Amino acid sequence: MNHDTAGDAAPITSADVGDAARLVAYGLQPKLLPARDAEYADLIRRHREDPRFAALAAAVAAGLGLVVLEVSPRAGMAVTAGEDSVFAVRMGDYARRAGTESADRFLHGLAHLAVAAMAFPRPEDLADDAYVGRLSVHGVDAFVRQACLRLEERAEQRGEVSDPEVDGPGLEAAWRVYARRSATGATKDARRLAASTIGIVAKAVAFLVDSGFLQRVSDDAGGTYRTTARYQLQVRDTAGSAAMSELLDLGVVAVTDGSPSLLAAATDGGELAPGAGLPFHGV
């Protein structure tokens, strides 16, 4: 590889462009980290030491419709796709890959939102590079169901006995459907099992593992996971969304020793899932 420094007057060569493109290509392999690949680590080091090379890599990424979130030894070249990028993953595409009924797409969106909120329940968690979020499939489902109870209480206090208006808050338009859906489905019916809320959360988590955002820790509680640096960067990029703020404002998640858990239910109504302790365009 050509390692010209910023102070060199030599023009940018095709080899430089190739190296920059190779770095972006590494960034599109979310499970690969610089610590596991010597060439990747070398390119990351060059990016940090050579401003001209860094600018070239940014230009290559921009040309592909990618936004660079961070370039570091811990996260590698972490990129996210812009809305018009060929690499953008849309909920419709995700739903088809997951074999999801079209009517359930927004429930999958809610599951992804809940995973992010439970993984990083406080702003300081997102700001701390050393913070590692932990969650489980059953815990995320319990989190959403407890949020549903809070939203139901809010609706009753306002005297709303029917479904909310079409243009009402997004979460209040979703809680009734999620709350009515079986948590586990029927074990002898694969389609019903996949359409259960735990099945929906499990699919969301599996997608995040494949995307290099979560790492499986154990089989406890339907699967227990830890967050990666790449996922923290991704959630930082979307943390200002109204839906996530609304979900966190319900006050369902408590943080004590660094692992999020659920607060005591405000009402005895309803049954929480076992093990109760959460990146798309056009969701």
Protein backbone atom coordinates (compact mmCIF):
# COMPACT_ATOMS: atom_id res chain seq x y z
CA MET A 1 0.00 0.00 0.00
CA ASN A 2 1.05 3.56 -0.67
CA HIS A 3 1.57 5.43 2.62
CA ASP A 4 2.02 9.05 1.53
CA THR A 5 1.71 11.45 4.45
CA ALA A 6 -0.26 14.67 4.51
CA GLY A 7 2.89 16.69 3.96
CA ASP A 8 3.83 14.94 0.73
CA ALA A 9 3.26 16.91 -2.45
CA ALA A 10 2.76 13.78 -4.57
CA PRO A 11 -0.61 13.63 -6.31
CA ILE A 12 -3.24 11.11 -5.30
CA THR A 13 -2.72 7.90 -7.23
CA SER A 14 -5.00 5.08 -8.33
CA ALA A 15 -3.39 2.98 -5.60
CA ASP A 16 -4.51 5.55 -3.01
CA VAL A 17 -8.07 5.41 -4.36
CA GLY A 18 -7.94 1.63 -4.25
CA ASP A 19 -6.80 1.67 -0.63
CA ALA A 20 -9.57 4.12 0.31
CA ALA A 21 -12.17 1.96 -1.41
CA ARG A 22 -10.77 -1.11 0.35
CA LEU A 23 -11.19 0.63 3.71
CA VAL A 24 -14.82 1.42 2.89
CA ALA A 25 -15.31 -2.20 1.83
CA TYR A 26 -14.00 -3.30 5.23
CA GLY A 27 -16.51 -0.95 6.82
CA LEU A 28 -19.30 -2.76 4.99
CA GLN A 29 -18.33 -6.00 6.77
CA PRO A 30 -19.86 -5.19 10.16
CA LYS A 31 -18.61 -8.27 12.03
CA LEU A 32 -14.98 -7.70 11.06
CA LEU A 33 -12.82 -5.66 13.43
CA PRO A 34 -9.33 -4.20 12.80
CA ALA A 35 -7.91 -6.31 15.62
CA ARG A 36 -8.66 -9.43 13.56
CA ASP A 37 -7.24 -8.26 10.22
CA ALA A 38 -3.78 -6.76 9.78
CA GLU A 39 -4.55 -4.95 6.52
CA TYR A 40 -7.73 -3.45 8.01
CA ALA A 41 -5.76 -2.26 11.04
CA ASP A 42 -3.11 -0.73 8.76
CA LEU A 43 -5.75 1.16 6.78
CA ILE A 44 -7.36 2.43 9.98
CA ARG A 45 -3.95 3.64 11.18
CA ARG A 46 -3.32 5.37 7.86
CA HIS A 47 -6.73 7.03 8.03
CA ARG A 48 -5.90 8.45 11.46
CA GLU A 49 -2.43 9.67 10.47
CA ASP A 50 -3.01 10.93 6.92
CA PRO A 51 -5.69 13.64 6.49
CA ARG A 52 -5.51 13.36 2.68
CA PHE A 53 -6.24 9.65 2.84
CA ALA A 54 -9.04 10.25 5.35
CA ALA A 55 -10.64 12.80 3.00
CA LEU A 56 -10.32 10.37 0.10
CA ALA A 57 -12.01 7.57 2.06
CA ALA A 58 -14.81 9.96 3.07
CA ALA A 59 -15.31 10.89 -0.58
CA VAL A 60 -15.53 7.24 -1.61
CA ALA A 61 -18.07 6.58 1.16
CA ALA A 62 -20.13 9.64 0.21
CA GLY A 63 -20.17 8.53 -3.41
CA LEU A 64 -21.77 5.27 -2.28
CA GLY A 65 -24.36 7.08 -0.20
CA LEU A 66 -22.71 6.12 3.08
CA VAL A 67 -22.30 8.27 6.18
CA VAL A 68 -19.12 7.67 8.20
CA LEU A 69 -19.97 7.50 11.91
CA GLU A 70 -16.48 6.79 13.21
CA VAL A 71 -13.12 5.43 12.13
CA SER A 72 -11.23 3.91 15.06
CA PRO A 73 -9.48 0.74 16.21
CA ARG A 74 -12.47 -0.13 18.42
CA ALA A 75 -15.21 0.17 15.78
CA GLY A 76 -13.28 -0.01 12.54
CA MET A 77 -14.81 2.12 9.80
CA ALA A 78 -18.37 2.36 11.05
CA VAL A 79 -20.71 3.53 8.31
CA THR A 80 -24.46 3.86 7.95
CA ALA A 81 -26.38 4.08 4.72
CA GLY A 82 -28.09 7.29 3.66
CA GLU A 83 -31.73 7.08 2.64
CA ASP A 84 -30.91 7.02 -1.08
CA SER A 85 -27.98 4.63 -0.80
CA VAL A 86 -28.05 1.26 -2.51
CA PHE A 87 -26.94 -0.14 0.86
CA ALA A 88 -29.96 1.27 2.74
CA VAL A 89 -32.07 -1.37 4.47
CA ARG A 90 -35.75 -0.53 4.51
CA MET A 91 -38.36 -2.11 6.71
CA GLY A 92 -40.13 -3.55 3.67
CA ASP A 93 -36.93 -5.33 2.60
CA TYR A 94 -36.29 -6.52 6.15
CA ALA A 95 -39.87 -7.80 6.46
CA ARG A 96 -39.59 -9.80 3.26
CA ARG A 97 -36.26 -11.29 4.35
CA ALA A 98 -37.79 -12.19 7.72
CA GLY A 99 -40.89 -13.71 6.10
CA THR A 100 -43.06 -11.19 7.91
CA GLU A 101 -46.68 -10.40 7.22
CA SER A 102 -47.01 -6.84 5.92
CA ALA A 103 -49.42 -5.96 8.74
CA ASP A 104 -46.71 -6.81 11.29
CA ARG A 105 -44.00 -4.56 9.88
CA PHE A 106 -44.58 -1.78 12.34
CA LEU A 107 -44.37 -4.31 15.20
CA HIS A 108 -40.90 -5.24 13.96
CA GLY A 109 -40.05 -1.54 13.89
CA LEU A 110 -41.25 -1.26 17.49
CA ALA A 111 -39.10 -4.25 18.46
CA HIS A 112 -35.98 -2.61 16.99
CA LEU A 113 -36.82 0.64 18.76
CA ALA A 114 -37.26 -1.22 22.05
CA VAL A 115 -33.94 -3.06 21.69
CA ALA A 116 -32.12 0.26 21.23
CA ALA A 117 -33.93 1.90 24.15
CA MET A 118 -33.21 -0.96 26.53
CA ALA A 119 -29.60 -1.26 25.40
CA PHE A 120 -28.90 2.46 25.98
CA PRO A 121 -31.55 3.78 28.39
CA ARG A 122 -29.69 6.99 29.34
CA PRO A 123 -28.00 9.68 27.25
CA GLU A 124 -24.79 9.16 29.21
CA ASP A 125 -24.75 5.50 28.14
CA LEU A 126 -24.62 6.55 24.52
CA ALA A 127 -21.93 9.12 25.24
CA ASP A 128 -19.66 6.69 27.12
CA ASP A 129 -17.50 4.69 24.69
CA ALA A 130 -16.82 2.14 27.43
CA TYR A 131 -20.50 1.42 28.11
CA VAL A 132 -21.77 -2.00 27.03
CA GLY A 133 -25.52 -2.51 26.94
CA ARG A 134 -27.04 -5.88 27.81
CA LEU A 135 -30.45 -7.25 26.96
CA SER A 136 -32.42 -10.44 26.44
CA VAL A 137 -35.23 -11.41 24.08
CA HIS A 138 -37.66 -12.01 26.94
CA GLY A 139 -36.56 -8.82 28.64
CA VAL A 140 -37.22 -6.72 25.53
CA ASP A 141 -40.67 -8.26 25.11
CA ALA A 142 -41.43 -7.59 28.78
CA PHE A 143 -40.22 -4.01 28.34
CA VAL A 144 -42.61 -3.39 25.45
CA ARG A 145 -45.51 -5.01 27.26
CA GLN A 146 -44.88 -2.89 30.34
CA ALA A 147 -44.71 0.18 28.11
CA CYS A 148 -48.06 -0.90 26.69
CA LEU A 149 -49.53 -0.86 30.20
CA ARG A 150 -48.27 2.68 30.75
CA LEU A 151 -49.72 3.82 27.43
CA GLU A 152 -53.05 2.17 28.23
CA GLU A 153 -53.17 4.00 31.56
CA ARG A 154 -52.40 7.28 29.79
CA ALA A 155 -55.21 6.68 27.29
CA GLU A 156 -57.70 5.83 30.05
CA GLN A 157 -56.78 8.98 31.96
CA ARG A 158 -57.66 11.01 28.88
CA GLY A 159 -60.92 9.16 28.51
CA GLU A 160 -59.92 7.40 25.30
CA VAL A 161 -61.83 4.14 25.05
CA SER A 162 -61.50 3.60 21.30
CA ASP A 163 -58.47 3.26 19.09
CA PRO A 164 -56.39 6.46 18.86
CA GLU A 165 -56.65 8.84 15.97
CA VAL A 166 -54.68 7.96 12.84
CA ASP A 167 -52.47 11.01 13.30
CA GLY A 168 -52.00 10.38 17.03
CA PRO A 169 -48.67 9.53 18.71
CA GLY A 170 -47.02 6.56 17.05
CA LEU A 171 -46.59 4.46 20.18
CA GLU A 172 -50.19 4.89 21.27
CA ALA A 173 -51.25 3.71 17.83
CA ALA A 174 -49.17 0.56 18.29
CA TRP A 175 -49.59 -0.57 21.88
CA ARG A 176 -53.02 -2.16 21.45
CA VAL A 177 -51.84 -4.44 18.65
CA TYR A 178 -48.68 -5.50 20.52
CA ALA A 179 -50.55 -6.03 23.80
CA ARG A 180 -53.16 -8.23 22.11
CA ARG A 181 -50.57 -10.38 20.34
CA SER A 182 -49.58 -13.62 22.05
CA ALA A 183 -46.12 -13.51 23.61
CA THR A 184 -45.22 -17.07 22.63
CA GLY A 185 -47.74 -18.21 20.02
CA ALA A 186 -48.54 -21.87 19.55
CA THR A 187 -45.48 -24.10 19.56
CA LYS A 188 -47.04 -26.52 17.03
CA ASP A 189 -47.73 -23.74 14.53
CA ALA A 190 -44.50 -22.29 13.10
CA ARG A 191 -46.26 -19.29 11.54
CA ARG A 192 -48.01 -18.33 14.77
CA LEU A 193 -44.79 -18.85 16.70
CA ALA A 194 -42.88 -16.52 14.36
CA ALA A 195 -45.68 -13.93 14.59
CA SER A 196 -45.68 -13.96 18.40
CA THR A 197 -44.12 -10.94 20.05
CA ILE A 198 -41.17 -12.98 21.35
CA GLY A 199 -40.73 -14.35 17.82
CA ILE A 200 -40.73 -10.82 16.44
CA VAL A 201 -38.14 -9.65 18.99
CA ALA A 202 -36.00 -12.72 18.30
CA LYS A 203 -35.97 -11.90 14.57
CA ALA A 204 -35.02 -8.30 15.27
CA VAL A 205 -32.17 -9.40 17.54
CA ALA A 206 -30.95 -12.00 15.01
CA PHE A 207 -30.82 -9.29 12.34
CA LEU A 208 -28.78 -7.05 14.67
CA VAL A 209 -26.35 -9.91 15.33
CA ASP A 210 -25.92 -10.48 11.59
CA SER A 211 -25.33 -6.74 11.19
CA GLY A 212 -22.53 -6.72 13.76
CA PHE A 213 -24.58 -4.68 16.27
CA LEU A 214 -25.08 -7.32 18.96
CA GLN A 215 -23.11 -10.33 20.18
CA ARG A 216 -24.77 -13.37 21.73
CA VAL A 217 -23.70 -14.04 25.31
CA SER A 218 -25.90 -16.97 26.36
CA ASP A 219 -29.17 -18.78 25.73
CA ASP A 220 -30.74 -17.41 28.91
CA ALA A 221 -34.11 -15.63 28.70
CA GLY A 222 -34.61 -16.47 25.05
CA GLY A 223 -31.08 -15.30 24.24
CA THR A 224 -28.95 -12.74 26.05
CA TYR A 225 -26.81 -10.24 24.14
CA ARG A 226 -24.26 -7.46 24.54
CA THR A 227 -23.93 -4.39 22.38
CA THR A 228 -20.98 -3.58 20.12
CA ALA A 229 -19.26 -0.25 19.50
CA ARG A 230 -20.84 -0.18 16.03
CA TYR A 231 -24.35 -0.46 17.49
CA GLN A 232 -23.65 2.33 19.96
CA LEU A 233 -22.63 4.58 17.07
CA GLN A 234 -25.72 3.59 15.09
CA VAL A 235 -28.06 4.36 18.00
CA ARG A 236 -26.30 7.66 18.62
CA ASP A 237 -27.14 8.58 15.06
CA THR A 238 -30.86 7.95 15.62
CA ALA A 239 -31.28 8.66 19.34
CA GLY A 240 -33.03 11.96 18.74
CA SER A 241 -36.06 10.30 17.17
CA ALA A 242 -39.39 11.24 18.69
CA ALA A 243 -40.42 7.60 19.02
CA MET A 244 -37.37 6.63 21.08
CA SER A 245 -37.74 9.68 23.31
CA GLU A 246 -41.40 8.86 23.88
CA LEU A 247 -40.57 5.26 24.77
CA LEU A 248 -37.85 6.22 27.26
CA ASP A 249 -40.05 8.93 28.79
CA LEU A 250 -42.48 6.25 29.95
CA GLY A 251 -39.96 5.45 32.70
CA VAL A 252 -40.09 1.68 32.25
CA VAL A 253 -36.33 1.02 32.22
CA ALA A 254 -34.21 1.22 35.35
CA VAL A 255 -30.39 1.19 35.37
CA THR A 256 -28.45 0.16 38.45
CA ASP A 257 -25.21 -1.74 37.84
CA GLY A 258 -24.92 -0.94 34.15
CA SER A 259 -27.41 -3.57 33.03
CA PRO A 260 -30.92 -2.27 32.26
CA SER A 261 -33.85 -3.91 34.02
CA LEU A 262 -37.54 -3.21 34.33
CA LEU A 263 -39.16 -1.11 37.01
CA ALA A 264 -41.99 -2.65 39.01
CA ALA A 265 -45.23 -2.64 37.04
CA ALA A 266 -47.52 0.25 37.82
CA THR A 267 -50.50 -2.12 37.77
CA ASP A 268 -51.06 -5.80 38.41
CA GLY A 269 -52.99 -6.11 35.17
CA GLY A 270 -51.48 -8.21 32.42
CA GLU A 271 -48.80 -10.86 32.49
CA LEU A 272 -45.19 -10.13 31.65
CA ALA A 273 -43.10 -12.48 29.58
CA PRO A 274 -40.75 -14.88 31.41
CA GLY A 275 -37.29 -13.56 32.21
CA ALA A 276 -38.31 -9.92 32.60
CA GLY A 277 -35.37 -8.13 34.10
CA LEU A 278 -34.54 -2.57 23.68
CA PRO A 279 -31.75 1.14 11.74
CA PHE A 280 -34.07 1.33 9.11
CA HIS A 281 -35.28 3.88 6.59
CA GLY A 282 -39.02 4.22 6.18
CA VAL A 283 -39.95 2.15 9.24
